[in-house]
Amino acid sequence: MLILKILTTQVGGLLQRIAGNGEESIEETARLLAQATIGEGRVIIAGFDEMQAVIATALHGAEPLSGAVRFEFGMDISTADRIWLLTRSATDEPALKLARHLAERFIPFAALAAEKPHNDNELKNLAYTYISTGLTRGLLPGDHGERIVQPHALSALFVYEAVKIAHDEMILDED
C-alpha cells in the first residue's frame, strides 16, 4: 500500500515540523497553564470543531491533565484561570470572539491554530502564547489536483501531549 507509506511519511514530517518550529511556544504554553495548576486557577480548554478531541483526551484520557475543565460559553472565568484555545484556523470567528473577550478582561490564554504567527494574525496577537501547526493545506495530492488529508486533530493531540509533558514536569518541580 503505497498511499499508506506516503501518508505515514507526510504525517511524520508534519509532526517533526511542529516540534522543530514550536519547541519554545510549547514550553511557554506549558508554563502558562502550570500557573493555574500551581495557583488557585483552572486550566480551561476551549476546543473548536475537531479540536474537541484534545478536551476529551485532557479530561477522560489515560493520563488526564491536572486541573483541566471544558470551556462552556457563559462560564465564570477568573484572572487566576488559564485558557487554552484550540482551533483549526486563526480566522475562526467563534474562537476569535472568545480570544477578544479574554483579552478585554486581561485573562491570560494560549492559542493553537494552523496559521503561522505573522503580524496580521489577530489570534496570535491577542494570545499570551501561540502554537502553529502549520497545517494550512492537505498533506496529499487528490485525484483532481486538490490537496487532501488535513489531520488538524491529530496535530493538536501531538501538541497537547508535548505541552502536558512539560506542564507535568513544571508542577512536579513545585512539589
N, C-alpha and C. Protein backbone atom coordinates (compact mmCIF):
# COMPACT_ATOMS: atom_id res chain seq x y z
N MET A 1 0.83 -1.19 0.00
CA MET A 1 0.00 0.00 0.00
C MET A 1 0.87 1.25 0.00
N LEU A 2 1.12 1.76 -1.16
CA LEU A 2 1.98 2.92 -1.31
C LEU A 2 1.40 4.15 -0.65
N ILE A 3 0.08 4.34 -0.75
CA ILE A 3 -0.54 5.55 -0.18
C ILE A 3 -0.36 5.60 1.34
N LEU A 4 -0.41 4.46 2.00
CA LEU A 4 -0.22 4.43 3.45
C LEU A 4 1.21 4.84 3.81
N LYS A 5 2.16 4.40 3.02
CA LYS A 5 3.55 4.78 3.27
C LYS A 5 3.74 6.28 3.06
N ILE A 6 3.13 6.83 2.01
CA ILE A 6 3.22 8.27 1.73
C ILE A 6 2.57 9.05 2.86
N LEU A 7 1.38 8.60 3.29
CA LEU A 7 0.68 9.28 4.39
C LEU A 7 1.52 9.26 5.66
N THR A 8 2.10 8.12 5.97
CA THR A 8 2.94 8.00 7.16
C THR A 8 4.13 8.96 7.08
N THR A 9 4.75 9.06 5.94
CA THR A 9 5.88 9.97 5.75
C THR A 9 5.44 11.42 5.93
N GLN A 10 4.29 11.78 5.34
CA GLN A 10 3.81 13.16 5.41
C GLN A 10 3.40 13.54 6.83
N VAL A 11 2.72 12.64 7.54
CA VAL A 11 2.32 12.92 8.92
C VAL A 11 3.56 13.02 9.81
N GLY A 12 4.51 12.14 9.61
CA GLY A 12 5.76 12.21 10.37
C GLY A 12 6.47 13.53 10.15
N GLY A 13 6.51 13.99 8.91
CA GLY A 13 7.13 15.28 8.59
C GLY A 13 6.39 16.43 9.24
N LEU A 14 5.05 16.38 9.24
CA LEU A 14 4.24 17.41 9.88
C LEU A 14 4.57 17.51 11.37
N LEU A 15 4.60 16.37 12.04
CA LEU A 15 4.88 16.37 13.48
C LEU A 15 6.30 16.84 13.78
N GLN A 16 7.24 16.49 12.93
CA GLN A 16 8.62 16.96 13.11
C GLN A 16 8.71 18.48 12.93
N ARG A 17 7.97 19.02 11.96
CA ARG A 17 7.96 20.49 11.76
C ARG A 17 7.34 21.19 12.95
N ILE A 18 6.25 20.64 13.48
CA ILE A 18 5.61 21.24 14.66
C ILE A 18 6.60 21.24 15.82
N ALA A 19 7.25 20.12 16.05
CA ALA A 19 8.21 20.03 17.16
C ALA A 19 9.38 20.98 16.95
N GLY A 20 9.89 21.05 15.76
CA GLY A 20 11.04 21.90 15.49
C GLY A 20 10.71 23.39 15.56
N ASN A 21 9.57 23.77 15.00
CA ASN A 21 9.19 25.19 14.98
C ASN A 21 8.51 25.65 16.25
N GLY A 22 7.95 24.72 17.01
CA GLY A 22 7.13 25.11 18.15
C GLY A 22 7.69 24.80 19.51
N GLU A 23 8.94 24.38 19.58
CA GLU A 23 9.51 23.97 20.86
C GLU A 23 9.39 25.06 21.93
N GLU A 24 9.76 26.28 21.59
CA GLU A 24 9.70 27.37 22.55
C GLU A 24 8.25 27.70 22.92
N SER A 25 7.37 27.72 21.94
CA SER A 25 5.95 28.02 22.20
C SER A 25 5.28 26.93 23.03
N ILE A 26 5.67 25.70 22.81
CA ILE A 26 5.14 24.59 23.61
C ILE A 26 5.54 24.77 25.07
N GLU A 27 6.79 25.11 25.30
CA GLU A 27 7.30 25.35 26.66
C GLU A 27 6.57 26.53 27.31
N GLU A 28 6.39 27.61 26.55
CA GLU A 28 5.69 28.79 27.08
C GLU A 28 4.23 28.47 27.42
N THR A 29 3.59 27.68 26.57
CA THR A 29 2.20 27.29 26.82
C THR A 29 2.11 26.44 28.08
N ALA A 30 3.01 25.50 28.23
CA ALA A 30 3.03 24.66 29.44
C ALA A 30 3.21 25.51 30.69
N ARG A 31 4.10 26.49 30.60
CA ARG A 31 4.37 27.38 31.74
C ARG A 31 3.11 28.19 32.09
N LEU A 32 2.43 28.71 31.07
CA LEU A 32 1.21 29.48 31.29
C LEU A 32 0.14 28.63 31.96
N LEU A 33 -0.06 27.41 31.48
CA LEU A 33 -1.08 26.53 32.06
C LEU A 33 -0.69 26.09 33.47
N ALA A 34 0.59 25.90 33.70
CA ALA A 34 1.06 25.49 35.03
C ALA A 34 0.79 26.58 36.07
N GLN A 35 0.75 27.83 35.66
CA GLN A 35 0.43 28.91 36.60
C GLN A 35 -0.93 28.66 37.26
N ALA A 36 -1.89 28.20 36.49
CA ALA A 36 -3.23 27.92 37.04
C ALA A 36 -3.18 26.68 37.93
N THR A 37 -2.48 25.65 37.47
CA THR A 37 -2.43 24.39 38.22
C THR A 37 -1.75 24.59 39.56
N ILE A 38 -0.68 25.36 39.60
CA ILE A 38 0.07 25.60 40.83
C ILE A 38 -0.68 26.58 41.72
N GLY A 39 -1.35 27.54 41.10
CA GLY A 39 -2.06 28.57 41.84
C GLY A 39 -3.49 28.17 42.17
N GLU A 40 -4.36 29.15 42.17
CA GLU A 40 -5.76 28.95 42.56
C GLU A 40 -6.69 28.76 41.36
N GLY A 41 -6.15 28.70 40.16
CA GLY A 41 -6.98 28.69 38.97
C GLY A 41 -7.21 27.31 38.38
N ARG A 42 -7.90 27.34 37.25
CA ARG A 42 -8.19 26.12 36.48
C ARG A 42 -7.55 26.25 35.11
N VAL A 43 -7.28 25.12 34.49
CA VAL A 43 -6.87 25.08 33.09
C VAL A 43 -8.14 24.82 32.31
N ILE A 44 -8.61 25.85 31.62
CA ILE A 44 -9.86 25.74 30.87
C ILE A 44 -9.50 25.54 29.41
N ILE A 45 -9.97 24.44 28.84
CA ILE A 45 -9.64 24.11 27.46
C ILE A 45 -10.86 24.40 26.58
N ALA A 46 -10.65 25.26 25.61
CA ALA A 46 -11.70 25.62 24.65
C ALA A 46 -11.29 25.07 23.29
N GLY A 47 -11.90 23.97 22.90
CA GLY A 47 -11.61 23.35 21.62
C GLY A 47 -12.76 23.56 20.66
N PHE A 48 -12.47 24.03 19.47
CA PHE A 48 -13.49 24.28 18.46
C PHE A 48 -13.44 23.20 17.39
N ASP A 49 -14.61 22.75 16.98
CA ASP A 49 -14.75 21.72 15.94
C ASP A 49 -13.97 20.46 16.33
N GLU A 50 -13.14 19.93 15.43
CA GLU A 50 -12.46 18.67 15.72
C GLU A 50 -11.42 18.79 16.82
N MET A 51 -11.08 20.01 17.22
CA MET A 51 -10.10 20.20 18.29
C MET A 51 -10.67 19.79 19.65
N GLN A 52 -11.95 19.49 19.70
CA GLN A 52 -12.53 18.97 20.93
C GLN A 52 -11.93 17.61 21.31
N ALA A 53 -11.23 17.00 20.37
CA ALA A 53 -10.52 15.75 20.68
C ALA A 53 -9.51 15.97 21.81
N VAL A 54 -8.91 17.15 21.85
CA VAL A 54 -7.96 17.46 22.92
C VAL A 54 -8.68 17.54 24.26
N ILE A 55 -9.88 18.09 24.28
CA ILE A 55 -10.65 18.17 25.53
C ILE A 55 -10.95 16.77 26.03
N ALA A 56 -11.40 15.90 25.15
CA ALA A 56 -11.70 14.53 25.54
C ALA A 56 -10.47 13.83 26.12
N THR A 57 -9.33 14.05 25.50
CA THR A 57 -8.09 13.44 25.99
C THR A 57 -7.67 14.04 27.32
N ALA A 58 -7.74 15.36 27.44
CA ALA A 58 -7.32 16.03 28.68
C ALA A 58 -8.21 15.67 29.86
N LEU A 59 -9.48 15.44 29.62
CA LEU A 59 -10.41 15.14 30.71
C LEU A 59 -10.61 13.65 30.96
N HIS A 60 -10.62 12.86 29.88
CA HIS A 60 -11.00 11.45 30.01
C HIS A 60 -9.95 10.47 29.50
N GLY A 61 -8.80 10.96 29.12
CA GLY A 61 -7.75 10.09 28.60
C GLY A 61 -7.10 9.26 29.69
N ALA A 62 -6.18 8.42 29.29
CA ALA A 62 -5.47 7.55 30.23
C ALA A 62 -4.70 8.36 31.27
N GLU A 63 -4.22 9.54 30.87
CA GLU A 63 -3.47 10.42 31.77
C GLU A 63 -4.07 11.83 31.69
N PRO A 64 -5.14 12.10 32.44
CA PRO A 64 -5.80 13.42 32.35
C PRO A 64 -4.87 14.56 32.77
N LEU A 65 -5.16 15.74 32.24
CA LEU A 65 -4.40 16.93 32.59
C LEU A 65 -4.90 17.46 33.92
N SER A 66 -4.01 17.62 34.86
CA SER A 66 -4.36 18.08 36.19
C SER A 66 -5.03 19.44 36.15
N GLY A 67 -6.19 19.54 36.78
CA GLY A 67 -6.89 20.81 36.90
C GLY A 67 -7.64 21.25 35.66
N ALA A 68 -7.73 20.41 34.64
CA ALA A 68 -8.37 20.80 33.39
C ALA A 68 -9.88 20.69 33.46
N VAL A 69 -10.55 21.66 32.84
CA VAL A 69 -12.00 21.65 32.69
C VAL A 69 -12.35 22.09 31.27
N ARG A 70 -13.52 21.71 30.82
CA ARG A 70 -14.02 22.08 29.49
C ARG A 70 -14.57 23.50 29.53
N PHE A 71 -14.24 24.30 28.52
CA PHE A 71 -14.81 25.63 28.40
C PHE A 71 -16.27 25.52 28.01
N GLU A 72 -17.09 26.31 28.66
CA GLU A 72 -18.50 26.44 28.30
C GLU A 72 -18.80 27.92 28.17
N PHE A 73 -19.49 28.31 27.10
CA PHE A 73 -19.87 29.71 26.95
C PHE A 73 -20.70 30.14 28.14
N GLY A 74 -20.39 31.29 28.70
CA GLY A 74 -21.11 31.81 29.85
C GLY A 74 -20.52 31.41 31.19
N MET A 75 -19.49 30.55 31.19
CA MET A 75 -18.90 30.14 32.47
C MET A 75 -18.14 31.30 33.09
N ASP A 76 -18.04 31.27 34.42
CA ASP A 76 -17.32 32.30 35.15
C ASP A 76 -15.82 32.00 35.05
N ILE A 77 -15.07 32.94 34.51
CA ILE A 77 -13.63 32.78 34.35
C ILE A 77 -12.95 33.89 35.15
N SER A 78 -11.99 33.50 35.98
CA SER A 78 -11.28 34.49 36.79
C SER A 78 -9.87 34.71 36.22
N THR A 79 -9.21 35.74 36.72
CA THR A 79 -7.84 36.02 36.27
C THR A 79 -6.84 34.97 36.76
N ALA A 80 -7.26 34.12 37.70
CA ALA A 80 -6.39 33.02 38.15
C ALA A 80 -6.44 31.84 37.18
N ASP A 81 -7.48 31.79 36.35
CA ASP A 81 -7.62 30.72 35.37
C ASP A 81 -6.71 30.96 34.18
N ARG A 82 -6.37 29.89 33.50
CA ARG A 82 -5.63 29.97 32.24
C ARG A 82 -6.42 29.19 31.21
N ILE A 83 -6.57 29.77 30.04
CA ILE A 83 -7.37 29.17 28.99
C ILE A 83 -6.46 28.74 27.86
N TRP A 84 -6.75 27.55 27.32
CA TRP A 84 -6.05 27.09 26.13
C TRP A 84 -7.09 26.97 25.04
N LEU A 85 -6.97 27.83 24.05
CA LEU A 85 -7.91 27.91 22.94
C LEU A 85 -7.31 27.17 21.75
N LEU A 86 -8.04 26.15 21.26
CA LEU A 86 -7.56 25.35 20.14
C LEU A 86 -8.56 25.43 19.00
N THR A 87 -8.09 25.83 17.83
CA THR A 87 -8.96 25.98 16.68
C THR A 87 -8.21 25.60 15.41
N ARG A 88 -8.95 25.14 14.42
CA ARG A 88 -8.33 24.76 13.15
C ARG A 88 -7.70 25.98 12.49
N SER A 89 -8.39 27.10 12.52
CA SER A 89 -7.92 28.29 11.84
C SER A 89 -7.94 29.50 12.75
N ALA A 90 -6.91 30.31 12.65
CA ALA A 90 -6.83 31.54 13.44
C ALA A 90 -7.87 32.56 13.03
N THR A 91 -8.56 32.33 11.92
CA THR A 91 -9.62 33.24 11.49
C THR A 91 -11.01 32.74 11.86
N ASP A 92 -11.09 31.66 12.62
CA ASP A 92 -12.38 31.11 13.06
C ASP A 92 -13.08 32.13 13.96
N GLU A 93 -14.25 32.61 13.55
CA GLU A 93 -14.90 33.71 14.25
C GLU A 93 -15.29 33.37 15.69
N PRO A 94 -15.87 32.19 16.00
CA PRO A 94 -16.16 31.90 17.42
C PRO A 94 -14.89 31.88 18.29
N ALA A 95 -13.80 31.36 17.76
CA ALA A 95 -12.54 31.34 18.51
C ALA A 95 -12.02 32.77 18.71
N LEU A 96 -12.11 33.60 17.67
CA LEU A 96 -11.67 34.99 17.79
C LEU A 96 -12.55 35.77 18.77
N LYS A 97 -13.83 35.48 18.77
CA LYS A 97 -14.74 36.16 19.70
C LYS A 97 -14.33 35.85 21.14
N LEU A 98 -14.03 34.59 21.43
CA LEU A 98 -13.57 34.22 22.76
C LEU A 98 -12.23 34.89 23.06
N ALA A 99 -11.31 34.87 22.12
CA ALA A 99 -9.99 35.49 22.32
C ALA A 99 -10.12 36.97 22.64
N ARG A 100 -10.97 37.65 21.91
CA ARG A 100 -11.17 39.09 22.16
C ARG A 100 -11.75 39.31 23.56
N HIS A 101 -12.71 38.48 23.94
CA HIS A 101 -13.34 38.59 25.26
C HIS A 101 -12.29 38.39 26.37
N LEU A 102 -11.47 37.38 26.22
CA LEU A 102 -10.43 37.10 27.22
C LEU A 102 -9.42 38.25 27.28
N ALA A 103 -9.01 38.75 26.13
CA ALA A 103 -8.03 39.84 26.09
C ALA A 103 -8.60 41.11 26.74
N GLU A 104 -9.86 41.40 26.49
CA GLU A 104 -10.50 42.57 27.10
C GLU A 104 -10.54 42.48 28.62
N ARG A 105 -10.64 41.26 29.14
CA ARG A 105 -10.71 41.04 30.58
C ARG A 105 -9.33 40.73 31.18
N PHE A 106 -8.28 40.81 30.37
CA PHE A 106 -6.90 40.55 30.82
C PHE A 106 -6.74 39.15 31.42
N ILE A 107 -7.39 38.19 30.81
CA ILE A 107 -7.28 36.79 31.24
C ILE A 107 -6.28 36.11 30.30
N PRO A 108 -5.16 35.64 30.84
CA PRO A 108 -4.12 35.04 30.01
C PRO A 108 -4.61 33.75 29.34
N PHE A 109 -4.29 33.64 28.04
CA PHE A 109 -4.66 32.42 27.33
C PHE A 109 -3.61 32.07 26.29
N ALA A 110 -3.56 30.78 26.01
CA ALA A 110 -2.69 30.24 24.97
C ALA A 110 -3.58 29.87 23.79
N ALA A 111 -3.02 29.86 22.61
CA ALA A 111 -3.79 29.50 21.42
C ALA A 111 -3.00 28.55 20.54
N LEU A 112 -3.74 27.70 19.85
CA LEU A 112 -3.17 26.80 18.85
C LEU A 112 -4.04 26.92 17.61
N ALA A 113 -3.42 27.11 16.46
CA ALA A 113 -4.12 27.17 15.18
C ALA A 113 -3.13 26.80 14.08
N ALA A 114 -3.64 26.68 12.87
CA ALA A 114 -2.79 26.25 11.76
C ALA A 114 -1.85 27.34 11.26
N GLU A 115 -2.34 28.59 11.25
CA GLU A 115 -1.58 29.65 10.60
C GLU A 115 -0.30 30.00 11.35
N LYS A 116 0.68 30.43 10.57
CA LYS A 116 1.94 30.88 11.14
C LYS A 116 1.71 32.16 11.94
N PRO A 117 2.58 32.45 12.90
CA PRO A 117 2.39 33.64 13.76
C PRO A 117 2.85 34.95 13.12
N HIS A 118 2.22 35.33 12.01
CA HIS A 118 2.55 36.61 11.35
C HIS A 118 1.88 37.76 12.09
N ASN A 119 2.33 38.97 11.80
CA ASN A 119 1.80 40.17 12.45
C ASN A 119 0.32 40.40 12.18
N ASP A 120 -0.20 39.94 11.04
CA ASP A 120 -1.62 40.13 10.74
C ASP A 120 -2.50 39.00 11.28
N ASN A 121 -1.94 38.14 12.10
CA ASN A 121 -2.68 37.04 12.72
C ASN A 121 -3.25 37.56 14.05
N GLU A 122 -4.54 37.94 14.04
CA GLU A 122 -5.16 38.54 15.22
C GLU A 122 -5.12 37.61 16.42
N LEU A 123 -5.40 36.32 16.22
CA LEU A 123 -5.39 35.38 17.33
C LEU A 123 -4.02 35.33 17.98
N LYS A 124 -2.98 35.27 17.17
CA LYS A 124 -1.62 35.27 17.70
C LYS A 124 -1.34 36.54 18.48
N ASN A 125 -1.82 37.67 17.97
CA ASN A 125 -1.56 38.96 18.63
C ASN A 125 -2.30 39.10 19.95
N LEU A 126 -3.43 38.44 20.10
CA LEU A 126 -4.20 38.51 21.34
C LEU A 126 -3.69 37.53 22.40
N ALA A 127 -3.16 36.40 21.96
CA ALA A 127 -2.77 35.32 22.88
C ALA A 127 -1.44 35.63 23.58
N TYR A 128 -1.30 35.10 24.79
CA TYR A 128 -0.03 35.20 25.51
C TYR A 128 1.00 34.28 24.85
N THR A 129 0.56 33.08 24.45
CA THR A 129 1.42 32.16 23.72
C THR A 129 0.63 31.62 22.54
N TYR A 130 1.34 31.29 21.48
CA TYR A 130 0.69 30.83 20.24
C TYR A 130 1.51 29.72 19.63
N ILE A 131 0.84 28.63 19.31
CA ILE A 131 1.49 27.50 18.65
C ILE A 131 0.82 27.31 17.29
N SER A 132 1.64 27.21 16.25
CA SER A 132 1.14 26.95 14.91
C SER A 132 1.41 25.51 14.53
N THR A 133 0.38 24.85 13.99
CA THR A 133 0.59 23.50 13.46
C THR A 133 1.16 23.56 12.05
N GLY A 134 1.00 24.71 11.39
CA GLY A 134 1.48 24.85 10.03
C GLY A 134 0.67 24.08 9.01
N LEU A 135 -0.44 23.50 9.43
CA LEU A 135 -1.26 22.66 8.54
C LEU A 135 -2.30 23.54 7.83
N THR A 136 -1.87 24.19 6.77
CA THR A 136 -2.77 25.11 6.06
C THR A 136 -3.29 24.54 4.75
N ARG A 137 -2.89 23.32 4.40
CA ARG A 137 -3.41 22.64 3.22
C ARG A 137 -3.26 21.15 3.43
N GLY A 138 -3.90 20.39 2.58
CA GLY A 138 -3.83 18.93 2.70
C GLY A 138 -2.42 18.40 2.53
N LEU A 139 -2.19 17.23 3.09
CA LEU A 139 -0.86 16.63 3.02
C LEU A 139 -0.60 15.87 1.73
N LEU A 140 -1.68 15.39 1.10
CA LEU A 140 -1.53 14.54 -0.08
C LEU A 140 -2.25 15.13 -1.29
N PRO A 141 -1.74 14.84 -2.49
CA PRO A 141 -2.47 15.29 -3.69
C PRO A 141 -3.69 14.40 -3.92
N GLY A 142 -4.81 15.04 -4.26
CA GLY A 142 -6.02 14.29 -4.58
C GLY A 142 -6.06 13.93 -6.05
N ASP A 143 -7.09 13.23 -6.45
CA ASP A 143 -7.23 12.77 -7.83
C ASP A 143 -7.43 13.90 -8.84
N HIS A 144 -7.90 15.06 -8.38
CA HIS A 144 -8.22 16.16 -9.28
C HIS A 144 -7.33 17.38 -9.05
N GLY A 145 -6.14 17.17 -8.51
CA GLY A 145 -5.20 18.26 -8.30
C GLY A 145 -5.36 18.98 -6.97
N GLU A 146 -6.40 18.68 -6.23
CA GLU A 146 -6.60 19.30 -4.92
C GLU A 146 -5.71 18.62 -3.88
N ARG A 147 -5.58 19.25 -2.72
CA ARG A 147 -4.82 18.66 -1.61
C ARG A 147 -5.81 18.07 -0.62
N ILE A 148 -5.57 16.85 -0.18
CA ILE A 148 -6.46 16.16 0.75
C ILE A 148 -5.70 15.75 2.01
N VAL A 149 -6.41 15.34 3.01
CA VAL A 149 -5.92 14.87 4.31
C VAL A 149 -5.36 16.05 5.13
N GLN A 150 -6.21 16.56 6.01
CA GLN A 150 -5.82 17.66 6.91
C GLN A 150 -6.02 17.20 8.35
N PRO A 151 -5.03 16.55 8.92
CA PRO A 151 -5.18 15.99 10.27
C PRO A 151 -4.98 17.03 11.40
N HIS A 152 -5.91 17.98 11.45
CA HIS A 152 -5.82 19.03 12.47
C HIS A 152 -5.90 18.46 13.89
N ALA A 153 -6.84 17.56 14.12
CA ALA A 153 -6.98 16.98 15.46
C ALA A 153 -5.74 16.18 15.85
N LEU A 154 -5.20 15.44 14.92
CA LEU A 154 -4.00 14.65 15.19
C LEU A 154 -2.84 15.56 15.58
N SER A 155 -2.67 16.65 14.83
CA SER A 155 -1.57 17.56 15.16
C SER A 155 -1.81 18.24 16.49
N ALA A 156 -3.07 18.58 16.80
CA ALA A 156 -3.39 19.21 18.09
C ALA A 156 -3.14 18.23 19.24
N LEU A 157 -3.46 16.97 19.04
CA LEU A 157 -3.21 15.98 20.09
C LEU A 157 -1.71 15.78 20.31
N PHE A 158 -0.94 15.85 19.25
CA PHE A 158 0.52 15.77 19.39
C PHE A 158 1.04 16.94 20.23
N VAL A 159 0.57 18.15 19.91
CA VAL A 159 0.96 19.33 20.68
C VAL A 159 0.50 19.20 22.13
N TYR A 160 -0.73 18.74 22.32
CA TYR A 160 -1.24 18.55 23.68
C TYR A 160 -0.30 17.66 24.49
N GLU A 161 0.09 16.53 23.93
CA GLU A 161 0.97 15.61 24.65
C GLU A 161 2.30 16.27 24.99
N ALA A 162 2.85 17.05 24.07
CA ALA A 162 4.11 17.75 24.33
C ALA A 162 3.94 18.79 25.43
N VAL A 163 2.84 19.54 25.38
CA VAL A 163 2.56 20.55 26.41
C VAL A 163 2.34 19.86 27.75
N LYS A 164 1.61 18.76 27.75
CA LYS A 164 1.31 18.05 29.00
C LYS A 164 2.59 17.53 29.66
N ILE A 165 3.50 17.00 28.88
CA ILE A 165 4.77 16.51 29.44
C ILE A 165 5.51 17.66 30.13
N ALA A 166 5.63 18.79 29.44
CA ALA A 166 6.33 19.95 30.02
C ALA A 166 5.57 20.49 31.23
N HIS A 167 4.26 20.56 31.14
CA HIS A 167 3.40 21.03 32.24
C HIS A 167 3.60 20.17 33.48
N ASP A 168 3.52 18.86 33.29
CA ASP A 168 3.65 17.94 34.42
C ASP A 168 5.02 18.05 35.09
N GLU A 169 6.07 18.24 34.28
CA GLU A 169 7.41 18.43 34.85
C GLU A 169 7.46 19.69 35.70
N MET A 170 6.81 20.74 35.22
CA MET A 170 6.82 22.01 35.95
C MET A 170 6.07 21.91 37.28
N ILE A 171 4.93 21.27 37.28
CA ILE A 171 4.17 21.19 38.53
C ILE A 171 4.81 20.22 39.51
N LEU A 172 5.52 19.22 39.00
CA LEU A 172 6.25 18.31 39.90
C LEU A 172 7.40 19.03 40.57
N ASP A 173 8.05 19.94 39.83
CA ASP A 173 9.15 20.71 40.39
C ASP A 173 8.70 21.62 41.53
N GLU A 174 7.40 21.97 41.53
CA GLU A 174 6.85 22.84 42.58
C GLU A 174 6.54 22.08 43.87
N ASP A 175 6.42 20.76 43.77
CA ASP A 175 6.08 19.96 44.98
C ASP A 175 7.25 19.83 45.92
